[in-house]
Amino acid sequence: MRFTDVRHVPASAGEVWTALHDREVLRAVIPGCERLSPVGAGRYSATLAARVGRLADTYHGTFAIEDTCPGSELVVAVAGRGRWGTLELDLRVRLDEGFAPRTTALAYDAHARVSGLVSRLGRAPLSLAACHITGCFFRDLERAVQTGSGAGPAPRTHLAVSR
């Protein structure tokens, strides 16, 4: 599945860039993130909990962030395995100045692949889950950059999307 969009964050590109490279902010804003432990520069061991409809799983894997153009473009790669299948995400993000002062436009292009039992749920529930994850991520990223720390997002909950 492929998802593309442009989201606007009311913060400077520098603030957003810094937040996207801060482990505590990332752990707080990635929906369902239970653990994000550094294993190298820009590389983490991760545990993500997710529920789509009646199917719940915990994925253990990797999260990597690589700067392709420092300050304006990055690539995120996520790979995880759970009891009921696997997930992979390749995400390209570009930061541009927003229309209003001190705003940033984040253009993203995501390619997601799921396998196993979760893939049998079908495109509609998986698309709904992806939209929910994206919305929660940007909502919490906005809160984090506004407070200047990873303490801004809402209290941690497991990602849950019902059909």
N, C-alpha and C. Protein backbone atom coordinates (compact mmCIF):
# COMPACT_ATOMS: atom_id res chain seq x y z
N MET A 1 0.84 -1.17 0.00
CA MET A 1 0.00 0.00 0.00
C MET A 1 0.88 1.23 0.00
N ARG A 2 0.40 2.25 -0.64
CA ARG A 2 1.15 3.50 -0.72
C ARG A 2 0.27 4.63 -0.20
N PHE A 3 0.89 5.51 0.61
CA PHE A 3 0.19 6.65 1.17
C PHE A 3 1.05 7.88 0.97
N THR A 4 0.45 8.95 0.46
CA THR A 4 1.17 10.21 0.30
C THR A 4 0.28 11.34 0.80
N ASP A 5 0.90 12.37 1.33
CA ASP A 5 0.16 13.52 1.80
C ASP A 5 1.14 14.62 2.18
N VAL A 6 0.61 15.78 2.47
CA VAL A 6 1.39 16.89 3.02
C VAL A 6 0.67 17.31 4.29
N ARG A 7 1.41 17.34 5.40
CA ARG A 7 0.84 17.76 6.68
C ARG A 7 1.57 19.02 7.12
N HIS A 8 0.88 19.88 7.85
CA HIS A 8 1.46 21.15 8.30
C HIS A 8 1.60 21.15 9.81
N VAL A 9 2.77 21.55 10.27
CA VAL A 9 3.07 21.60 11.70
C VAL A 9 3.40 23.04 12.05
N PRO A 10 2.77 23.60 13.08
CA PRO A 10 3.03 24.99 13.46
C PRO A 10 4.33 25.14 14.26
N ALA A 11 5.45 24.94 13.58
CA ALA A 11 6.79 25.09 14.17
C ALA A 11 7.76 25.26 13.01
N SER A 12 8.92 25.80 13.32
CA SER A 12 9.92 25.99 12.26
C SER A 12 10.45 24.64 11.78
N ALA A 13 11.00 24.63 10.57
CA ALA A 13 11.57 23.40 10.02
C ALA A 13 12.69 22.88 10.91
N GLY A 14 13.48 23.78 11.49
CA GLY A 14 14.56 23.36 12.39
C GLY A 14 14.04 22.65 13.63
N GLU A 15 12.95 23.16 14.20
CA GLU A 15 12.35 22.52 15.38
C GLU A 15 11.78 21.15 15.03
N VAL A 16 11.13 21.06 13.89
CA VAL A 16 10.55 19.78 13.47
C VAL A 16 11.67 18.78 13.18
N TRP A 17 12.71 19.23 12.49
CA TRP A 17 13.84 18.35 12.17
C TRP A 17 14.47 17.80 13.46
N THR A 18 14.68 18.67 14.43
CA THR A 18 15.26 18.25 15.72
C THR A 18 14.36 17.22 16.40
N ALA A 19 13.05 17.48 16.40
CA ALA A 19 12.11 16.56 17.04
C ALA A 19 12.13 15.19 16.36
N LEU A 20 12.24 15.17 15.03
CA LEU A 20 12.25 13.91 14.29
C LEU A 20 13.52 13.10 14.50
N HIS A 21 14.51 13.69 15.17
CA HIS A 21 15.76 12.99 15.46
C HIS A 21 15.98 12.78 16.95
N ASP A 22 14.97 13.10 17.75
CA ASP A 22 15.06 12.95 19.20
C ASP A 22 14.36 11.65 19.61
N ARG A 23 15.11 10.73 20.20
CA ARG A 23 14.56 9.41 20.54
C ARG A 23 13.35 9.51 21.45
N GLU A 24 13.40 10.38 22.44
CA GLU A 24 12.26 10.49 23.37
C GLU A 24 11.02 11.05 22.68
N VAL A 25 11.22 12.00 21.79
CA VAL A 25 10.08 12.52 21.04
C VAL A 25 9.53 11.42 20.14
N LEU A 26 10.39 10.72 19.42
CA LEU A 26 9.93 9.64 18.55
C LEU A 26 9.17 8.58 19.34
N ARG A 27 9.71 8.17 20.47
CA ARG A 27 9.04 7.15 21.28
C ARG A 27 7.65 7.63 21.71
N ALA A 28 7.55 8.92 22.00
CA ALA A 28 6.27 9.48 22.46
C ALA A 28 5.27 9.68 21.33
N VAL A 29 5.72 9.95 20.11
CA VAL A 29 4.78 10.29 19.04
C VAL A 29 4.46 9.14 18.08
N ILE A 30 5.22 8.07 18.11
CA ILE A 30 4.91 6.92 17.26
C ILE A 30 3.79 6.13 17.93
N PRO A 31 2.60 6.06 17.33
CA PRO A 31 1.48 5.35 17.94
C PRO A 31 1.83 3.89 18.24
N GLY A 32 1.52 3.47 19.45
CA GLY A 32 1.76 2.08 19.85
C GLY A 32 3.19 1.76 20.21
N CYS A 33 4.09 2.74 20.19
CA CYS A 33 5.50 2.48 20.48
C CYS A 33 5.67 2.18 21.97
N GLU A 34 6.12 0.98 22.27
CA GLU A 34 6.37 0.59 23.65
C GLU A 34 7.84 0.71 24.02
N ARG A 35 8.70 0.56 23.01
CA ARG A 35 10.14 0.63 23.28
C ARG A 35 10.85 1.09 22.02
N LEU A 36 11.87 1.95 22.23
CA LEU A 36 12.72 2.43 21.15
C LEU A 36 14.12 2.57 21.75
N SER A 37 14.94 1.54 21.56
CA SER A 37 16.27 1.48 22.17
C SER A 37 17.35 1.66 21.11
N PRO A 38 18.27 2.62 21.33
CA PRO A 38 19.33 2.86 20.34
C PRO A 38 20.24 1.64 20.16
N VAL A 39 20.58 1.36 18.91
CA VAL A 39 21.56 0.31 18.59
C VAL A 39 22.67 0.84 17.70
N GLY A 40 22.60 2.10 17.34
CA GLY A 40 23.59 2.75 16.49
C GLY A 40 23.08 4.12 16.11
N ALA A 41 23.87 4.84 15.34
CA ALA A 41 23.47 6.18 14.91
C ALA A 41 22.21 6.11 14.04
N GLY A 42 21.10 6.67 14.53
CA GLY A 42 19.86 6.67 13.78
C GLY A 42 19.19 5.32 13.67
N ARG A 43 19.62 4.34 14.46
CA ARG A 43 19.06 2.98 14.39
C ARG A 43 18.60 2.55 15.77
N TYR A 44 17.44 1.91 15.79
CA TYR A 44 16.83 1.52 17.06
C TYR A 44 16.23 0.13 16.97
N SER A 45 16.19 -0.52 18.11
CA SER A 45 15.41 -1.73 18.28
C SER A 45 14.06 -1.25 18.79
N ALA A 46 12.96 -1.74 18.22
CA ALA A 46 11.65 -1.19 18.54
C ALA A 46 10.64 -2.28 18.85
N THR A 47 9.67 -1.91 19.69
CA THR A 47 8.51 -2.74 19.97
C THR A 47 7.28 -1.87 19.77
N LEU A 48 6.38 -2.30 18.88
CA LEU A 48 5.16 -1.56 18.57
C LEU A 48 3.94 -2.45 18.79
N ALA A 49 2.95 -1.93 19.48
CA ALA A 49 1.70 -2.67 19.70
C ALA A 49 0.63 -2.07 18.80
N ALA A 50 -0.15 -2.93 18.16
CA ALA A 50 -1.20 -2.45 17.27
C ALA A 50 -2.41 -3.38 17.33
N ARG A 51 -3.57 -2.79 17.07
CA ARG A 51 -4.80 -3.58 16.98
C ARG A 51 -5.61 -3.02 15.83
N VAL A 52 -6.01 -3.89 14.93
CA VAL A 52 -6.87 -3.52 13.82
C VAL A 52 -8.07 -4.45 13.90
N GLY A 53 -9.25 -3.86 14.15
CA GLY A 53 -10.43 -4.70 14.36
C GLY A 53 -10.22 -5.57 15.59
N ARG A 54 -10.44 -6.85 15.44
CA ARG A 54 -10.27 -7.78 16.57
C ARG A 54 -8.87 -8.35 16.67
N LEU A 55 -8.02 -8.02 15.71
CA LEU A 55 -6.68 -8.59 15.66
C LEU A 55 -5.67 -7.65 16.34
N ALA A 56 -5.06 -8.12 17.41
CA ALA A 56 -4.04 -7.34 18.13
C ALA A 56 -2.72 -8.09 18.05
N ASP A 57 -1.65 -7.34 17.94
CA ASP A 57 -0.33 -7.96 17.87
C ASP A 57 0.72 -6.98 18.38
N THR A 58 1.85 -7.52 18.75
CA THR A 58 3.00 -6.72 19.14
C THR A 58 4.12 -7.08 18.18
N TYR A 59 4.70 -6.05 17.57
CA TYR A 59 5.75 -6.24 16.58
C TYR A 59 7.09 -5.87 17.18
N HIS A 60 8.06 -6.75 17.01
CA HIS A 60 9.43 -6.50 17.46
C HIS A 60 10.29 -6.38 16.21
N GLY A 61 11.11 -5.33 16.16
CA GLY A 61 11.92 -5.15 14.97
C GLY A 61 12.83 -3.96 15.05
N THR A 62 12.99 -3.29 13.91
CA THR A 62 13.94 -2.19 13.82
C THR A 62 13.25 -0.93 13.31
N PHE A 63 13.83 0.19 13.70
CA PHE A 63 13.40 1.52 13.26
C PHE A 63 14.68 2.26 12.92
N ALA A 64 14.77 2.77 11.70
CA ALA A 64 15.98 3.49 11.28
C ALA A 64 15.59 4.79 10.61
N ILE A 65 16.35 5.83 10.90
CA ILE A 65 16.12 7.14 10.28
C ILE A 65 17.44 7.58 9.67
N GLU A 66 17.38 7.96 8.39
CA GLU A 66 18.59 8.35 7.66
C GLU A 66 18.36 9.69 6.98
N ASP A 67 19.29 10.59 7.16
CA ASP A 67 19.20 11.89 6.52
C ASP A 67 19.68 11.76 5.08
N THR A 68 18.83 12.12 4.13
CA THR A 68 19.26 12.10 2.73
C THR A 68 19.69 13.49 2.29
N CYS A 69 19.12 14.51 2.90
CA CYS A 69 19.51 15.90 2.68
C CYS A 69 19.33 16.58 4.04
N PRO A 70 20.39 16.63 4.85
CA PRO A 70 20.27 17.14 6.22
C PRO A 70 19.51 18.46 6.31
N GLY A 71 18.52 18.46 7.19
CA GLY A 71 17.71 19.65 7.41
C GLY A 71 16.43 19.69 6.60
N SER A 72 16.35 18.86 5.52
CA SER A 72 15.15 18.96 4.69
C SER A 72 14.59 17.63 4.19
N GLU A 73 15.38 16.56 4.14
CA GLU A 73 14.85 15.27 3.66
C GLU A 73 15.41 14.13 4.48
N LEU A 74 14.53 13.15 4.76
CA LEU A 74 14.98 11.96 5.48
C LEU A 74 14.18 10.75 5.04
N VAL A 75 14.72 9.59 5.36
CA VAL A 75 14.07 8.32 5.05
C VAL A 75 13.96 7.54 6.35
N VAL A 76 12.80 6.95 6.58
CA VAL A 76 12.57 6.11 7.75
C VAL A 76 12.26 4.71 7.24
N ALA A 77 12.87 3.72 7.86
CA ALA A 77 12.59 2.32 7.53
C ALA A 77 12.19 1.59 8.81
N VAL A 78 11.06 0.92 8.77
CA VAL A 78 10.56 0.15 9.91
C VAL A 78 10.33 -1.27 9.43
N ALA A 79 10.78 -2.24 10.21
CA ALA A 79 10.53 -3.65 9.91
C ALA A 79 10.25 -4.35 11.22
N GLY A 80 9.19 -5.13 11.26
CA GLY A 80 8.84 -5.82 12.50
C GLY A 80 8.13 -7.13 12.23
N ARG A 81 8.25 -8.00 13.22
CA ARG A 81 7.60 -9.30 13.16
C ARG A 81 6.78 -9.49 14.43
N GLY A 82 5.55 -9.95 14.23
CA GLY A 82 4.67 -10.26 15.34
C GLY A 82 4.20 -11.70 15.26
N ARG A 83 3.29 -12.08 16.16
CA ARG A 83 2.76 -13.45 16.15
C ARG A 83 2.00 -13.73 14.86
N TRP A 84 1.29 -12.73 14.35
CA TRP A 84 0.38 -12.95 13.24
C TRP A 84 0.90 -12.47 11.89
N GLY A 85 2.14 -12.00 11.84
CA GLY A 85 2.66 -11.56 10.55
C GLY A 85 3.79 -10.56 10.68
N THR A 86 4.10 -9.91 9.57
CA THR A 86 5.18 -8.94 9.54
C THR A 86 4.66 -7.62 8.97
N LEU A 87 5.42 -6.57 9.27
CA LEU A 87 5.13 -5.28 8.68
C LEU A 87 6.44 -4.64 8.27
N GLU A 88 6.39 -3.91 7.19
CA GLU A 88 7.53 -3.13 6.70
C GLU A 88 7.00 -1.79 6.24
N LEU A 89 7.77 -0.75 6.52
CA LEU A 89 7.39 0.59 6.10
C LEU A 89 8.63 1.31 5.62
N ASP A 90 8.54 1.87 4.43
CA ASP A 90 9.57 2.75 3.89
C ASP A 90 8.91 4.10 3.73
N LEU A 91 9.45 5.11 4.38
CA LEU A 91 8.84 6.43 4.43
C LEU A 91 9.86 7.49 4.03
N ARG A 92 9.52 8.28 3.05
CA ARG A 92 10.34 9.42 2.64
C ARG A 92 9.63 10.68 3.08
N VAL A 93 10.37 11.57 3.75
CA VAL A 93 9.79 12.81 4.27
C VAL A 93 10.61 13.99 3.78
N ARG A 94 9.92 15.03 3.32
CA ARG A 94 10.56 16.28 2.91
C ARG A 94 9.96 17.41 3.74
N LEU A 95 10.82 18.23 4.34
CA LEU A 95 10.38 19.39 5.11
C LEU A 95 10.55 20.64 4.27
N ASP A 96 9.50 21.41 4.15
CA ASP A 96 9.52 22.68 3.43
C ASP A 96 8.91 23.75 4.33
N GLU A 97 9.22 24.98 4.04
CA GLU A 97 8.60 26.08 4.77
C GLU A 97 7.11 26.07 4.48
N GLY A 98 6.30 26.30 5.51
CA GLY A 98 4.86 26.32 5.35
C GLY A 98 4.39 27.65 4.78
N PHE A 99 3.09 27.78 4.56
CA PHE A 99 2.52 29.00 4.01
C PHE A 99 2.56 30.14 5.01
N ALA A 100 2.38 29.83 6.28
CA ALA A 100 2.39 30.85 7.33
C ALA A 100 3.78 30.89 7.97
N PRO A 101 4.13 32.00 8.58
CA PRO A 101 5.43 32.08 9.28
C PRO A 101 5.51 31.02 10.39
N ARG A 102 6.71 30.49 10.58
CA ARG A 102 6.98 29.47 11.60
C ARG A 102 6.09 28.24 11.47
N THR A 103 5.83 27.84 10.24
CA THR A 103 5.14 26.57 10.00
C THR A 103 5.97 25.75 9.04
N THR A 104 5.81 24.45 9.14
CA THR A 104 6.55 23.53 8.29
C THR A 104 5.58 22.60 7.58
N ALA A 105 5.79 22.43 6.30
CA ALA A 105 5.03 21.47 5.51
C ALA A 105 5.85 20.19 5.42
N LEU A 106 5.28 19.09 5.86
CA LEU A 106 5.95 17.79 5.78
C LEU A 106 5.26 16.98 4.70
N ALA A 107 5.95 16.78 3.59
CA ALA A 107 5.42 15.95 2.51
C ALA A 107 5.97 14.55 2.71
N TYR A 108 5.08 13.55 2.70
CA TYR A 108 5.57 12.19 2.89
C TYR A 108 5.04 11.26 1.83
N ASP A 109 5.83 10.23 1.58
CA ASP A 109 5.50 9.17 0.64
C ASP A 109 5.84 7.87 1.36
N ALA A 110 4.80 7.10 1.71
CA ALA A 110 5.00 5.88 2.50
C ALA A 110 4.60 4.66 1.69
N HIS A 111 5.42 3.64 1.78
CA HIS A 111 5.13 2.34 1.19
C HIS A 111 5.08 1.35 2.34
N ALA A 112 3.89 0.75 2.58
CA ALA A 112 3.72 -0.20 3.67
C ALA A 112 3.41 -1.57 3.10
N ARG A 113 3.99 -2.57 3.73
CA ARG A 113 3.75 -3.96 3.36
C ARG A 113 3.45 -4.75 4.62
N VAL A 114 2.37 -5.52 4.59
CA VAL A 114 2.04 -6.39 5.70
C VAL A 114 1.86 -7.79 5.16
N SER A 115 2.16 -8.78 5.99
CA SER A 115 1.97 -10.16 5.58
C SER A 115 1.37 -10.93 6.74
N GLY A 116 0.94 -12.13 6.46
CA GLY A 116 0.37 -12.97 7.50
C GLY A 116 -1.11 -12.67 7.69
N LEU A 117 -1.61 -13.02 8.86
CA LEU A 117 -3.03 -12.90 9.15
C LEU A 117 -3.54 -11.47 9.01
N VAL A 118 -2.73 -10.49 9.42
CA VAL A 118 -3.17 -9.09 9.34
C VAL A 118 -3.45 -8.67 7.89
N SER A 119 -2.73 -9.23 6.93
CA SER A 119 -2.95 -8.86 5.53
C SER A 119 -4.30 -9.35 5.03
N ARG A 120 -4.88 -10.35 5.68
CA ARG A 120 -6.18 -10.89 5.27
C ARG A 120 -7.34 -9.98 5.66
N LEU A 121 -7.06 -8.98 6.49
CA LEU A 121 -8.13 -8.06 6.89
C LEU A 121 -8.64 -7.25 5.72
N GLY A 122 -7.79 -7.05 4.73
CA GLY A 122 -8.21 -6.32 3.53
C GLY A 122 -7.75 -4.87 3.54
N ARG A 123 -7.86 -4.27 2.39
CA ARG A 123 -7.35 -2.91 2.18
C ARG A 123 -8.10 -1.85 3.00
N ALA A 124 -9.41 -1.96 3.10
CA ALA A 124 -10.19 -0.92 3.79
C ALA A 124 -9.78 -0.78 5.26
N PRO A 125 -9.77 -1.85 6.07
CA PRO A 125 -9.37 -1.67 7.46
C PRO A 125 -7.90 -1.28 7.61
N LEU A 126 -7.04 -1.78 6.73
CA LEU A 126 -5.63 -1.41 6.80
C LEU A 126 -5.43 0.06 6.43
N SER A 127 -6.19 0.55 5.45
CA SER A 127 -6.11 1.97 5.08
C SER A 127 -6.62 2.84 6.22
N LEU A 128 -7.69 2.42 6.87
CA LEU A 128 -8.21 3.14 8.03
C LEU A 128 -7.17 3.19 9.13
N ALA A 129 -6.51 2.07 9.39
CA ALA A 129 -5.47 2.02 10.42
C ALA A 129 -4.31 2.95 10.06
N ALA A 130 -3.91 2.96 8.80
CA ALA A 130 -2.81 3.83 8.38
C ALA A 130 -3.17 5.30 8.55
N CYS A 131 -4.40 5.67 8.21
CA CYS A 131 -4.84 7.06 8.40
C CYS A 131 -4.87 7.43 9.88
N HIS A 132 -5.32 6.51 10.72
CA HIS A 132 -5.36 6.75 12.15
C HIS A 132 -3.95 6.93 12.71
N ILE A 133 -3.03 6.05 12.32
CA ILE A 133 -1.64 6.14 12.78
C ILE A 133 -1.03 7.47 12.37
N THR A 134 -1.23 7.84 11.11
CA THR A 134 -0.68 9.09 10.60
C THR A 134 -1.25 10.29 11.37
N GLY A 135 -2.55 10.31 11.57
CA GLY A 135 -3.18 11.40 12.30
C GLY A 135 -2.65 11.52 13.72
N CYS A 136 -2.54 10.40 14.41
CA CYS A 136 -2.01 10.41 15.78
C CYS A 136 -0.56 10.87 15.81
N PHE A 137 0.25 10.41 14.86
CA PHE A 137 1.65 10.79 14.80
C PHE A 137 1.79 12.30 14.65
N PHE A 138 1.09 12.89 13.69
CA PHE A 138 1.22 14.33 13.46
C PHE A 138 0.62 15.15 14.59
N ARG A 139 -0.47 14.70 15.17
CA ARG A 139 -1.05 15.39 16.33
C ARG A 139 -0.03 15.44 17.48
N ASP A 140 0.58 14.30 17.76
CA ASP A 140 1.52 14.24 18.87
C ASP A 140 2.85 14.93 18.55
N LEU A 141 3.27 14.90 17.28
CA LEU A 141 4.47 15.64 16.88
C LEU A 141 4.25 17.13 17.08
N GLU A 142 3.08 17.61 16.68
CA GLU A 142 2.75 19.02 16.86
C GLU A 142 2.81 19.39 18.35
N ARG A 143 2.23 18.58 19.20
CA ARG A 143 2.27 18.84 20.65
C ARG A 143 3.69 18.83 21.18
N ALA A 144 4.51 17.90 20.69
CA ALA A 144 5.89 17.80 21.17
C ALA A 144 6.71 19.02 20.79
N VAL A 145 6.57 19.50 19.55
CA VAL A 145 7.37 20.67 19.16
C VAL A 145 6.85 21.93 19.82
N GLN A 146 5.56 21.99 20.13
CA GLN A 146 5.02 23.17 20.80
C GLN A 146 5.49 23.25 22.25
N THR A 147 5.68 22.09 22.90
CA THR A 147 6.15 22.10 24.29
C THR A 147 7.67 22.08 24.37
N GLY A 148 8.31 21.76 23.24
CA GLY A 148 9.77 21.72 23.22
C GLY A 148 10.37 20.46 23.80
N SER A 149 9.56 19.41 23.99
CA SER A 149 10.08 18.15 24.52
C SER A 149 9.17 17.01 24.12
N GLY A 150 9.56 15.82 24.50
CA GLY A 150 8.73 14.64 24.27
C GLY A 150 7.61 14.53 25.28
N ALA A 151 7.50 15.48 26.22
CA ALA A 151 6.48 15.41 27.26
C ALA A 151 5.13 15.91 26.79
N GLY A 152 5.05 16.51 25.60
CA GLY A 152 3.82 17.13 25.16
C GLY A 152 2.72 16.21 24.69
N PRO A 153 3.02 15.06 24.10
CA PRO A 153 1.95 14.25 23.55
C PRO A 153 1.00 13.71 24.62
N ALA A 154 -0.14 13.28 24.14
CA ALA A 154 -1.15 12.70 25.03
C ALA A 154 -0.58 11.46 25.70
N PRO A 155 -1.20 11.02 26.80
CA PRO A 155 -0.73 9.82 27.48
C PRO A 155 -0.67 8.63 26.53
N ARG A 156 0.28 7.73 26.73
CA ARG A 156 0.50 6.58 25.86
C ARG A 156 -0.67 5.62 25.92
N THR A 157 -1.11 5.20 24.76
CA THR A 157 -2.13 4.17 24.67
C THR A 157 -1.72 3.25 23.52
N HIS A 158 -2.27 2.06 23.51
CA HIS A 158 -2.02 1.17 22.39
C HIS A 158 -2.81 1.66 21.20
N LEU A 159 -2.24 1.47 20.04
CA LEU A 159 -2.94 1.82 18.82
C LEU A 159 -4.10 0.86 18.66
N ALA A 160 -5.28 1.38 18.45
CA ALA A 160 -6.45 0.52 18.26
C ALA A 160 -7.35 1.14 17.20
N VAL A 161 -7.64 0.40 16.18
CA VAL A 161 -8.52 0.84 15.12
C VAL A 161 -9.57 -0.25 14.94
N SER A 162 -10.82 0.13 15.01
CA SER A 162 -11.90 -0.84 14.81
C SER A 162 -12.46 -0.68 13.42
N ARG A 163 -12.99 -1.75 12.92
CA ARG A 163 -13.63 -1.71 11.60
C ARG A 163 -15.03 -1.21 11.72
